[in-house]
Amino acid sequence: MKIALISDIHDQVENLAWAKEEMRKHSIDFIFALGDYCTPYIIERLGIIGPPIIAVWGNNDGDKVAMMQAVEKDPQNKIQFQRGQFAEIELGGEKYFLTHYPLLAENAALSRKYKAVFHGHTHQQRNDEYNGTPLINPGKLAVYPAGPVSWALYDTEEKTVEFINKPIK
């Protein structure tokens, strides 16, 4: 199974559009969205990418009520928002942990309860291992701070991570 990981969009419509185009080049089964969308405008665009989206909130998500209304009013919107600061997801008989927050992710990875753990927040790509558990941050779709605009592709069967970086113009 292939999972696209995105985080820290921060209202960057152009970068979200780029990521959506890049995702079409891969056989994505799910998208894990790891927070910091910022406005309902992004949620409207995010939810029509294609594969089902499992999403957690970040620390820069403004009007969550309006964001949820954006999901509910569009029958094509495939976002499933999780409650709280993290989500435990079971796919293909394996458990995955999603959060925006690195400290929660690190503690989850140390628990050895999950096949892989994913987080955002730092705007930096990360592919570490804690106690044998992959700990992955896809980077950011935001333009700040300096560094690549990226998303990540996680292959559950191969247990590999590929960072997809937006070319610099």
N, C-alpha and C. Protein backbone atom coordinates (compact mmCIF):
# COMPACT_ATOMS: atom_id res chain seq x y z
N MET A 1 0.85 -1.17 0.00
CA MET A 1 0.00 0.00 0.00
C MET A 1 0.90 1.24 0.00
N LYS A 2 0.49 2.25 -0.75
CA LYS A 2 1.25 3.50 -0.80
C LYS A 2 0.46 4.62 -0.15
N ILE A 3 1.13 5.33 0.76
CA ILE A 3 0.51 6.42 1.51
C ILE A 3 1.27 7.70 1.22
N ALA A 4 0.55 8.73 0.77
CA ALA A 4 1.14 10.06 0.60
C ALA A 4 1.03 10.78 1.93
N LEU A 5 2.11 11.44 2.32
CA LEU A 5 2.16 12.19 3.57
C LEU A 5 2.34 13.66 3.24
N ILE A 6 1.43 14.50 3.75
CA ILE A 6 1.55 15.94 3.55
C ILE A 6 1.37 16.64 4.90
N SER A 7 2.01 17.81 5.01
CA SER A 7 1.89 18.56 6.26
C SER A 7 2.20 20.02 6.01
N ASP A 8 1.74 20.84 6.93
CA ASP A 8 2.11 22.26 6.98
C ASP A 8 1.89 22.97 5.64
N ILE A 9 0.64 22.96 5.20
CA ILE A 9 0.28 23.60 3.93
C ILE A 9 0.28 25.13 4.08
N HIS A 10 -0.22 25.61 5.19
CA HIS A 10 -0.24 27.05 5.50
C HIS A 10 -0.78 27.90 4.34
N ASP A 11 -1.92 27.46 3.80
CA ASP A 11 -2.63 28.21 2.75
C ASP A 11 -1.88 28.33 1.43
N GLN A 12 -0.90 27.51 1.18
CA GLN A 12 -0.13 27.59 -0.06
C GLN A 12 -0.82 26.79 -1.17
N VAL A 13 -1.78 27.44 -1.82
CA VAL A 13 -2.60 26.81 -2.85
C VAL A 13 -1.75 26.27 -4.00
N GLU A 14 -0.77 27.05 -4.43
CA GLU A 14 0.07 26.63 -5.55
C GLU A 14 0.86 25.36 -5.21
N ASN A 15 1.39 25.29 -4.02
CA ASN A 15 2.16 24.11 -3.63
C ASN A 15 1.26 22.90 -3.41
N LEU A 16 0.05 23.11 -2.93
CA LEU A 16 -0.91 22.01 -2.81
C LEU A 16 -1.27 21.48 -4.20
N ALA A 17 -1.47 22.37 -5.16
CA ALA A 17 -1.78 21.96 -6.53
C ALA A 17 -0.61 21.14 -7.11
N TRP A 18 0.62 21.59 -6.87
CA TRP A 18 1.80 20.84 -7.33
C TRP A 18 1.81 19.44 -6.71
N ALA A 19 1.58 19.36 -5.40
CA ALA A 19 1.58 18.06 -4.72
C ALA A 19 0.50 17.14 -5.29
N LYS A 20 -0.69 17.69 -5.55
CA LYS A 20 -1.77 16.89 -6.12
C LYS A 20 -1.37 16.33 -7.48
N GLU A 21 -0.73 17.14 -8.32
CA GLU A 21 -0.27 16.68 -9.63
C GLU A 21 0.77 15.58 -9.48
N GLU A 22 1.71 15.76 -8.58
CA GLU A 22 2.75 14.75 -8.35
C GLU A 22 2.15 13.44 -7.84
N MET A 23 1.14 13.54 -6.98
CA MET A 23 0.51 12.34 -6.43
C MET A 23 -0.15 11.52 -7.53
N ARG A 24 -0.64 12.18 -8.55
CA ARG A 24 -1.30 11.46 -9.66
C ARG A 24 -0.31 10.55 -10.41
N LYS A 25 0.97 10.79 -10.27
CA LYS A 25 1.99 9.98 -10.94
C LYS A 25 2.28 8.69 -10.19
N HIS A 26 1.71 8.54 -9.01
CA HIS A 26 1.96 7.37 -8.16
C HIS A 26 0.62 6.69 -7.87
N SER A 27 0.67 5.46 -7.51
CA SER A 27 -0.55 4.71 -7.16
C SER A 27 -0.80 4.87 -5.66
N ILE A 28 -1.37 5.99 -5.30
CA ILE A 28 -1.61 6.32 -3.89
C ILE A 28 -2.90 5.66 -3.42
N ASP A 29 -2.83 4.98 -2.27
CA ASP A 29 -4.01 4.36 -1.68
C ASP A 29 -4.68 5.26 -0.65
N PHE A 30 -3.86 5.99 0.11
CA PHE A 30 -4.36 6.89 1.15
C PHE A 30 -3.46 8.11 1.22
N ILE A 31 -4.01 9.20 1.75
CA ILE A 31 -3.23 10.38 2.07
C ILE A 31 -3.39 10.62 3.56
N PHE A 32 -2.27 10.80 4.24
CA PHE A 32 -2.29 11.21 5.64
C PHE A 32 -1.91 12.69 5.66
N ALA A 33 -2.81 13.52 6.14
CA ALA A 33 -2.59 14.97 6.23
C ALA A 33 -2.32 15.30 7.70
N LEU A 34 -1.17 15.91 7.95
CA LEU A 34 -0.64 16.02 9.31
C LEU A 34 -0.73 17.42 9.91
N GLY A 35 -1.72 18.21 9.49
CA GLY A 35 -2.00 19.47 10.16
C GLY A 35 -1.45 20.72 9.51
N ASP A 36 -1.90 21.84 10.06
CA ASP A 36 -1.57 23.20 9.62
C ASP A 36 -2.04 23.48 8.19
N TYR A 37 -3.35 23.39 8.02
CA TYR A 37 -3.99 23.72 6.74
C TYR A 37 -4.23 25.22 6.71
N CYS A 38 -4.69 25.75 7.80
CA CYS A 38 -4.95 27.16 8.12
C CYS A 38 -6.39 27.60 7.85
N THR A 39 -6.93 27.44 6.65
CA THR A 39 -8.27 27.98 6.37
C THR A 39 -9.15 26.97 5.64
N PRO A 40 -10.47 27.19 5.67
CA PRO A 40 -11.39 26.32 4.94
C PRO A 40 -11.11 26.27 3.43
N TYR A 41 -10.55 27.34 2.90
CA TYR A 41 -10.22 27.40 1.48
C TYR A 41 -9.31 26.23 1.08
N ILE A 42 -8.34 25.93 1.91
CA ILE A 42 -7.42 24.82 1.64
C ILE A 42 -8.14 23.48 1.79
N ILE A 43 -8.99 23.36 2.78
CA ILE A 43 -9.73 22.11 3.00
C ILE A 43 -10.58 21.78 1.78
N GLU A 44 -11.21 22.79 1.19
CA GLU A 44 -12.02 22.57 -0.01
C GLU A 44 -11.19 21.99 -1.14
N ARG A 45 -9.96 22.43 -1.29
CA ARG A 45 -9.08 21.95 -2.35
C ARG A 45 -8.41 20.63 -2.00
N LEU A 46 -8.12 20.44 -0.76
CA LEU A 46 -7.45 19.24 -0.30
C LEU A 46 -8.34 18.01 -0.47
N GLY A 47 -9.60 18.13 -0.16
CA GLY A 47 -10.49 16.99 -0.12
C GLY A 47 -10.87 16.39 -1.45
N ILE A 48 -10.48 17.02 -2.55
CA ILE A 48 -10.84 16.48 -3.87
C ILE A 48 -9.62 15.96 -4.62
N ILE A 49 -8.58 15.59 -3.90
CA ILE A 49 -7.37 15.06 -4.53
C ILE A 49 -7.65 13.73 -5.21
N GLY A 50 -8.31 12.83 -4.57
CA GLY A 50 -8.55 11.51 -5.15
C GLY A 50 -8.68 10.44 -4.10
N PRO A 51 -7.55 9.94 -3.57
CA PRO A 51 -7.65 8.89 -2.55
C PRO A 51 -8.24 9.41 -1.24
N PRO A 52 -8.73 8.52 -0.40
CA PRO A 52 -9.23 8.95 0.91
C PRO A 52 -8.12 9.63 1.72
N ILE A 53 -8.52 10.64 2.49
CA ILE A 53 -7.58 11.41 3.30
C ILE A 53 -7.93 11.25 4.77
N ILE A 54 -6.95 10.85 5.55
CA ILE A 54 -7.09 10.79 6.99
C ILE A 54 -6.29 11.96 7.54
N ALA A 55 -6.94 12.83 8.31
CA ALA A 55 -6.31 14.09 8.70
C ALA A 55 -6.35 14.30 10.21
N VAL A 56 -5.29 14.94 10.70
CA VAL A 56 -5.23 15.40 12.08
C VAL A 56 -5.04 16.91 12.06
N TRP A 57 -5.39 17.56 13.14
CA TRP A 57 -5.25 19.00 13.25
C TRP A 57 -3.84 19.38 13.66
N GLY A 58 -3.44 20.59 13.28
CA GLY A 58 -2.16 21.14 13.70
C GLY A 58 -2.38 22.32 14.63
N ASN A 59 -1.33 23.08 14.88
CA ASN A 59 -1.43 24.22 15.78
C ASN A 59 -1.79 25.51 15.05
N ASN A 60 -1.88 25.48 13.71
CA ASN A 60 -2.24 26.67 12.94
C ASN A 60 -3.47 26.42 12.07
N ASP A 61 -4.47 25.83 12.67
CA ASP A 61 -5.72 25.60 11.96
C ASP A 61 -6.77 26.50 12.59
N GLY A 62 -7.17 27.52 11.84
CA GLY A 62 -8.04 28.56 12.36
C GLY A 62 -9.43 28.08 12.73
N ASP A 63 -10.38 28.32 11.87
CA ASP A 63 -11.79 28.05 12.13
C ASP A 63 -12.11 26.59 11.80
N LYS A 64 -11.94 25.72 12.78
CA LYS A 64 -12.15 24.30 12.56
C LYS A 64 -13.60 23.97 12.23
N VAL A 65 -14.53 24.74 12.79
CA VAL A 65 -15.95 24.53 12.48
C VAL A 65 -16.18 24.77 11.00
N ALA A 66 -15.66 25.87 10.47
CA ALA A 66 -15.82 26.17 9.05
C ALA A 66 -15.11 25.13 8.18
N MET A 67 -13.99 24.64 8.66
CA MET A 67 -13.28 23.59 7.91
C MET A 67 -14.11 22.32 7.83
N MET A 68 -14.70 21.93 8.94
CA MET A 68 -15.55 20.74 8.94
C MET A 68 -16.78 20.94 8.07
N GLN A 69 -17.33 22.15 8.07
CA GLN A 69 -18.48 22.44 7.20
C GLN A 69 -18.08 22.34 5.73
N ALA A 70 -16.86 22.74 5.39
CA ALA A 70 -16.37 22.63 4.01
C ALA A 70 -16.32 21.16 3.58
N VAL A 71 -15.93 20.29 4.50
CA VAL A 71 -15.90 18.86 4.20
C VAL A 71 -17.32 18.32 4.02
N GLU A 72 -18.20 18.69 4.93
CA GLU A 72 -19.56 18.15 4.93
C GLU A 72 -20.40 18.61 3.75
N LYS A 73 -20.16 19.80 3.23
CA LYS A 73 -21.01 20.32 2.15
C LYS A 73 -20.62 19.78 0.77
N ASP A 74 -19.46 19.15 0.65
CA ASP A 74 -19.00 18.65 -0.64
C ASP A 74 -19.00 17.13 -0.64
N PRO A 75 -19.90 16.48 -1.39
CA PRO A 75 -19.96 15.02 -1.39
C PRO A 75 -18.71 14.35 -1.97
N GLN A 76 -17.91 15.09 -2.72
CA GLN A 76 -16.67 14.53 -3.28
C GLN A 76 -15.50 14.65 -2.31
N ASN A 77 -15.67 15.42 -1.25
CA ASN A 77 -14.58 15.63 -0.30
C ASN A 77 -14.36 14.36 0.50
N LYS A 78 -13.15 13.86 0.49
CA LYS A 78 -12.84 12.56 1.09
C LYS A 78 -12.02 12.66 2.36
N ILE A 79 -12.09 13.78 3.05
CA ILE A 79 -11.30 13.95 4.28
C ILE A 79 -12.03 13.37 5.47
N GLN A 80 -11.32 12.59 6.26
CA GLN A 80 -11.82 12.09 7.53
C GLN A 80 -10.96 12.72 8.63
N PHE A 81 -11.49 13.75 9.28
CA PHE A 81 -10.74 14.39 10.36
C PHE A 81 -10.86 13.56 11.62
N GLN A 82 -9.74 13.39 12.30
CA GLN A 82 -9.69 12.67 13.56
C GLN A 82 -9.83 13.66 14.71
N ARG A 83 -10.36 13.23 15.79
CA ARG A 83 -10.52 14.09 16.97
C ARG A 83 -9.24 14.10 17.79
N GLY A 84 -8.95 15.18 18.44
CA GLY A 84 -7.80 15.24 19.33
C GLY A 84 -6.50 15.56 18.61
N GLN A 85 -5.39 15.35 19.29
CA GLN A 85 -4.07 15.73 18.78
C GLN A 85 -3.36 14.61 18.03
N PHE A 86 -3.99 13.44 17.95
CA PHE A 86 -3.36 12.34 17.23
C PHE A 86 -4.43 11.37 16.76
N ALA A 87 -4.01 10.42 15.93
CA ALA A 87 -4.91 9.38 15.46
C ALA A 87 -4.14 8.06 15.40
N GLU A 88 -4.81 7.00 15.79
CA GLU A 88 -4.31 5.65 15.61
C GLU A 88 -5.15 5.04 14.50
N ILE A 89 -4.49 4.68 13.41
CA ILE A 89 -5.19 4.19 12.23
C ILE A 89 -4.76 2.76 11.96
N GLU A 90 -5.73 1.90 11.65
CA GLU A 90 -5.40 0.54 11.26
C GLU A 90 -5.70 0.36 9.78
N LEU A 91 -4.67 -0.03 9.05
CA LEU A 91 -4.79 -0.30 7.61
C LEU A 91 -4.06 -1.60 7.31
N GLY A 92 -4.70 -2.47 6.58
CA GLY A 92 -4.04 -3.72 6.21
C GLY A 92 -3.56 -4.53 7.39
N GLY A 93 -4.26 -4.45 8.51
CA GLY A 93 -3.89 -5.21 9.70
C GLY A 93 -2.74 -4.61 10.50
N GLU A 94 -2.27 -3.43 10.11
CA GLU A 94 -1.18 -2.76 10.82
C GLU A 94 -1.66 -1.43 11.40
N LYS A 95 -1.08 -1.04 12.53
CA LYS A 95 -1.45 0.22 13.18
C LYS A 95 -0.42 1.31 12.87
N TYR A 96 -0.94 2.51 12.57
CA TYR A 96 -0.12 3.68 12.28
C TYR A 96 -0.54 4.81 13.20
N PHE A 97 0.40 5.67 13.54
CA PHE A 97 0.15 6.80 14.44
C PHE A 97 0.39 8.08 13.65
N LEU A 98 -0.60 8.99 13.69
CA LEU A 98 -0.52 10.28 13.00
C LEU A 98 -0.68 11.39 14.01
N THR A 99 0.15 12.41 13.90
CA THR A 99 0.02 13.60 14.73
C THR A 99 0.73 14.74 14.03
N HIS A 100 0.48 15.93 14.49
CA HIS A 100 1.21 17.09 14.01
C HIS A 100 2.48 17.29 14.83
N TYR A 101 2.48 16.77 16.04
CA TYR A 101 3.46 17.15 17.04
C TYR A 101 4.60 16.13 17.20
N PRO A 102 5.85 16.59 17.06
CA PRO A 102 7.01 15.69 17.12
C PRO A 102 7.14 14.92 18.44
N LEU A 103 6.91 15.57 19.57
CA LEU A 103 7.08 14.88 20.85
C LEU A 103 6.08 13.73 21.00
N LEU A 104 4.84 13.96 20.59
CA LEU A 104 3.86 12.87 20.62
C LEU A 104 4.30 11.73 19.70
N ALA A 105 4.82 12.10 18.54
CA ALA A 105 5.28 11.09 17.58
C ALA A 105 6.44 10.27 18.14
N GLU A 106 7.39 10.95 18.74
CA GLU A 106 8.55 10.24 19.30
C GLU A 106 8.14 9.27 20.40
N ASN A 107 7.23 9.71 21.26
CA ASN A 107 6.75 8.82 22.33
C ASN A 107 5.98 7.64 21.76
N ALA A 108 5.19 7.89 20.72
CA ALA A 108 4.45 6.79 20.08
C ALA A 108 5.41 5.78 19.46
N ALA A 109 6.46 6.29 18.80
CA ALA A 109 7.43 5.39 18.19
C ALA A 109 8.15 4.55 19.25
N LEU A 110 8.48 5.17 20.37
CA LEU A 110 9.16 4.44 21.44
C LEU A 110 8.30 3.32 22.03
N SER A 111 6.99 3.43 21.89
CA SER A 111 6.09 2.43 22.45
C SER A 111 6.12 1.09 21.71
N ARG A 112 6.59 1.10 20.48
CA ARG A 112 6.64 -0.10 19.62
C ARG A 112 5.27 -0.66 19.29
N LYS A 113 4.23 0.14 19.41
CA LYS A 113 2.87 -0.30 19.12
C LYS A 113 2.49 -0.10 17.66
N TYR A 114 3.31 0.62 16.89
CA TYR A 114 2.90 1.04 15.55
C TYR A 114 3.89 0.58 14.48
N LYS A 115 3.36 0.31 13.31
CA LYS A 115 4.19 -0.07 12.17
C LYS A 115 5.04 1.12 11.72
N ALA A 116 4.45 2.33 11.80
CA ALA A 116 5.17 3.57 11.48
C ALA A 116 4.44 4.72 12.15
N VAL A 117 5.19 5.81 12.37
CA VAL A 117 4.66 7.01 13.03
C VAL A 117 4.98 8.22 12.15
N PHE A 118 3.99 9.11 12.01
CA PHE A 118 4.13 10.27 11.12
C PHE A 118 3.78 11.56 11.87
N HIS A 119 4.54 12.63 11.59
CA HIS A 119 4.25 13.92 12.21
C HIS A 119 4.64 15.06 11.26
N GLY A 120 4.24 16.26 11.62
CA GLY A 120 4.59 17.47 10.89
C GLY A 120 5.24 18.46 11.83
N HIS A 121 4.83 19.73 11.71
CA HIS A 121 5.16 20.83 12.61
C HIS A 121 6.53 21.47 12.42
N THR A 122 7.57 20.71 12.22
CA THR A 122 8.91 21.29 12.17
C THR A 122 9.27 21.86 10.80
N HIS A 123 8.48 21.53 9.79
CA HIS A 123 8.73 21.95 8.40
C HIS A 123 10.02 21.34 7.84
N GLN A 124 10.50 20.28 8.45
CA GLN A 124 11.74 19.64 8.01
C GLN A 124 11.51 18.15 7.75
N GLN A 125 12.05 17.68 6.65
CA GLN A 125 11.96 16.26 6.34
C GLN A 125 12.68 15.45 7.41
N ARG A 126 12.08 14.31 7.71
CA ARG A 126 12.66 13.44 8.73
C ARG A 126 12.37 11.98 8.37
N ASN A 127 13.38 11.17 8.44
CA ASN A 127 13.22 9.74 8.24
C ASN A 127 14.14 9.06 9.25
N ASP A 128 13.64 8.90 10.47
CA ASP A 128 14.39 8.31 11.58
C ASP A 128 13.76 6.99 11.98
N GLU A 129 14.41 6.35 12.93
CA GLU A 129 13.87 5.14 13.52
C GLU A 129 14.03 5.23 15.03
N TYR A 130 12.95 5.00 15.75
CA TYR A 130 12.98 4.96 17.21
C TYR A 130 12.56 3.57 17.64
N ASN A 131 13.45 2.87 18.33
CA ASN A 131 13.14 1.50 18.79
C ASN A 131 12.67 0.62 17.64
N GLY A 132 13.21 0.82 16.45
CA GLY A 132 12.84 0.02 15.30
C GLY A 132 11.59 0.48 14.59
N THR A 133 10.98 1.55 15.06
CA THR A 133 9.76 2.08 14.43
C THR A 133 10.12 3.28 13.55
N PRO A 134 9.74 3.25 12.27
CA PRO A 134 9.98 4.41 11.41
C PRO A 134 9.25 5.64 11.94
N LEU A 135 9.95 6.78 11.96
CA LEU A 135 9.42 8.06 12.41
C LEU A 135 9.65 9.05 11.27
N ILE A 136 8.55 9.52 10.65
CA ILE A 136 8.66 10.24 9.38
C ILE A 136 7.92 11.56 9.43
N ASN A 137 8.58 12.61 8.93
CA ASN A 137 7.98 13.92 8.70
C ASN A 137 8.17 14.22 7.22
N PRO A 138 7.08 14.49 6.48
CA PRO A 138 7.19 14.71 5.04
C PRO A 138 7.77 16.06 4.64
N GLY A 139 8.04 16.92 5.62
CA GLY A 139 8.48 18.27 5.29
C GLY A 139 7.28 19.20 5.27
N LYS A 140 7.27 20.13 4.31
CA LYS A 140 6.24 21.16 4.31
C LYS A 140 5.81 21.52 2.89
N LEU A 141 4.57 21.96 2.78
CA LEU A 141 4.11 22.59 1.54
C LEU A 141 4.15 24.10 1.67
N ALA A 142 4.40 24.58 2.87
CA ALA A 142 4.57 26.02 3.11
C ALA A 142 5.87 26.49 2.46
N VAL A 143 5.99 27.80 2.30
CA VAL A 143 7.20 28.36 1.67
C VAL A 143 8.25 28.79 2.70
N TYR A 144 7.90 28.76 3.95
CA TYR A 144 8.84 29.18 4.98
C TYR A 144 8.99 28.07 6.01
N PRO A 145 10.06 27.98 6.71
CA PRO A 145 11.30 28.68 6.46
C PRO A 145 11.95 28.14 5.19
N ALA A 146 13.13 28.63 4.87
CA ALA A 146 13.82 28.17 3.67
C ALA A 146 13.99 26.66 3.71
N GLY A 147 14.08 26.09 2.58
CA GLY A 147 14.22 24.63 2.47
C GLY A 147 13.22 24.11 1.47
N PRO A 148 13.32 22.83 1.17
CA PRO A 148 12.46 22.29 0.11
C PRO A 148 10.98 22.27 0.47
N VAL A 149 10.17 22.49 -0.54
CA VAL A 149 8.73 22.25 -0.47
C VAL A 149 8.58 20.78 -0.84
N SER A 150 7.91 20.00 0.02
CA SER A 150 7.90 18.56 -0.23
C SER A 150 6.70 17.86 0.38
N TRP A 151 6.51 16.64 -0.10
CA TRP A 151 5.62 15.67 0.52
C TRP A 151 6.38 14.34 0.47
N ALA A 152 5.86 13.31 1.11
CA ALA A 152 6.57 12.03 1.14
C ALA A 152 5.64 10.90 0.72
N LEU A 153 6.25 9.89 0.15
CA LEU A 153 5.55 8.68 -0.25
C LEU A 153 6.06 7.53 0.61
N TYR A 154 5.17 6.93 1.39
CA TYR A 154 5.54 5.81 2.25
C TYR A 154 4.94 4.53 1.67
N ASP A 155 5.79 3.55 1.41
CA ASP A 155 5.36 2.26 0.89
C ASP A 155 5.32 1.28 2.05
N THR A 156 4.14 0.82 2.41
CA THR A 156 3.98 -0.04 3.58
C THR A 156 4.58 -1.43 3.36
N GLU A 157 4.61 -1.90 2.13
CA GLU A 157 5.15 -3.23 1.86
C GLU A 157 6.68 -3.21 1.81
N GLU A 158 7.23 -2.24 1.13
CA GLU A 158 8.68 -2.12 1.00
C GLU A 158 9.31 -1.44 2.22
N LYS A 159 8.46 -0.79 3.02
CA LYS A 159 8.91 -0.01 4.18
C LYS A 159 9.92 1.05 3.77
N THR A 160 9.60 1.76 2.70
CA THR A 160 10.48 2.81 2.19
C THR A 160 9.78 4.16 2.23
N VAL A 161 10.61 5.19 2.29
CA VAL A 161 10.11 6.57 2.25
C VAL A 161 10.82 7.28 1.10
N GLU A 162 10.04 7.97 0.29
CA GLU A 162 10.61 8.79 -0.78
C GLU A 162 10.10 10.21 -0.59
N PHE A 163 11.01 11.15 -0.47
CA PHE A 163 10.63 12.56 -0.38
C PHE A 163 10.53 13.11 -1.78
N ILE A 164 9.39 13.74 -2.07
CA ILE A 164 9.16 14.35 -3.38
C ILE A 164 9.33 15.85 -3.19
N ASN A 165 10.40 16.41 -3.73
CA ASN A 165 10.71 17.83 -3.57
C ASN A 165 10.27 18.60 -4.80
N LYS A 166 9.66 19.75 -4.57
CA LYS A 166 9.27 20.63 -5.67
C LYS A 166 10.52 21.24 -6.28
N PRO A 167 10.63 21.17 -7.60
CA PRO A 167 11.80 21.78 -8.24
C PRO A 167 11.83 23.29 -7.99
N ILE A 168 13.01 23.81 -7.81
CA ILE A 168 13.18 25.26 -7.61
C ILE A 168 13.22 25.92 -8.98
N LYS A 169 12.41 26.97 -9.13
CA LYS A 169 12.34 27.66 -10.42
C LYS A 169 13.44 28.67 -10.56
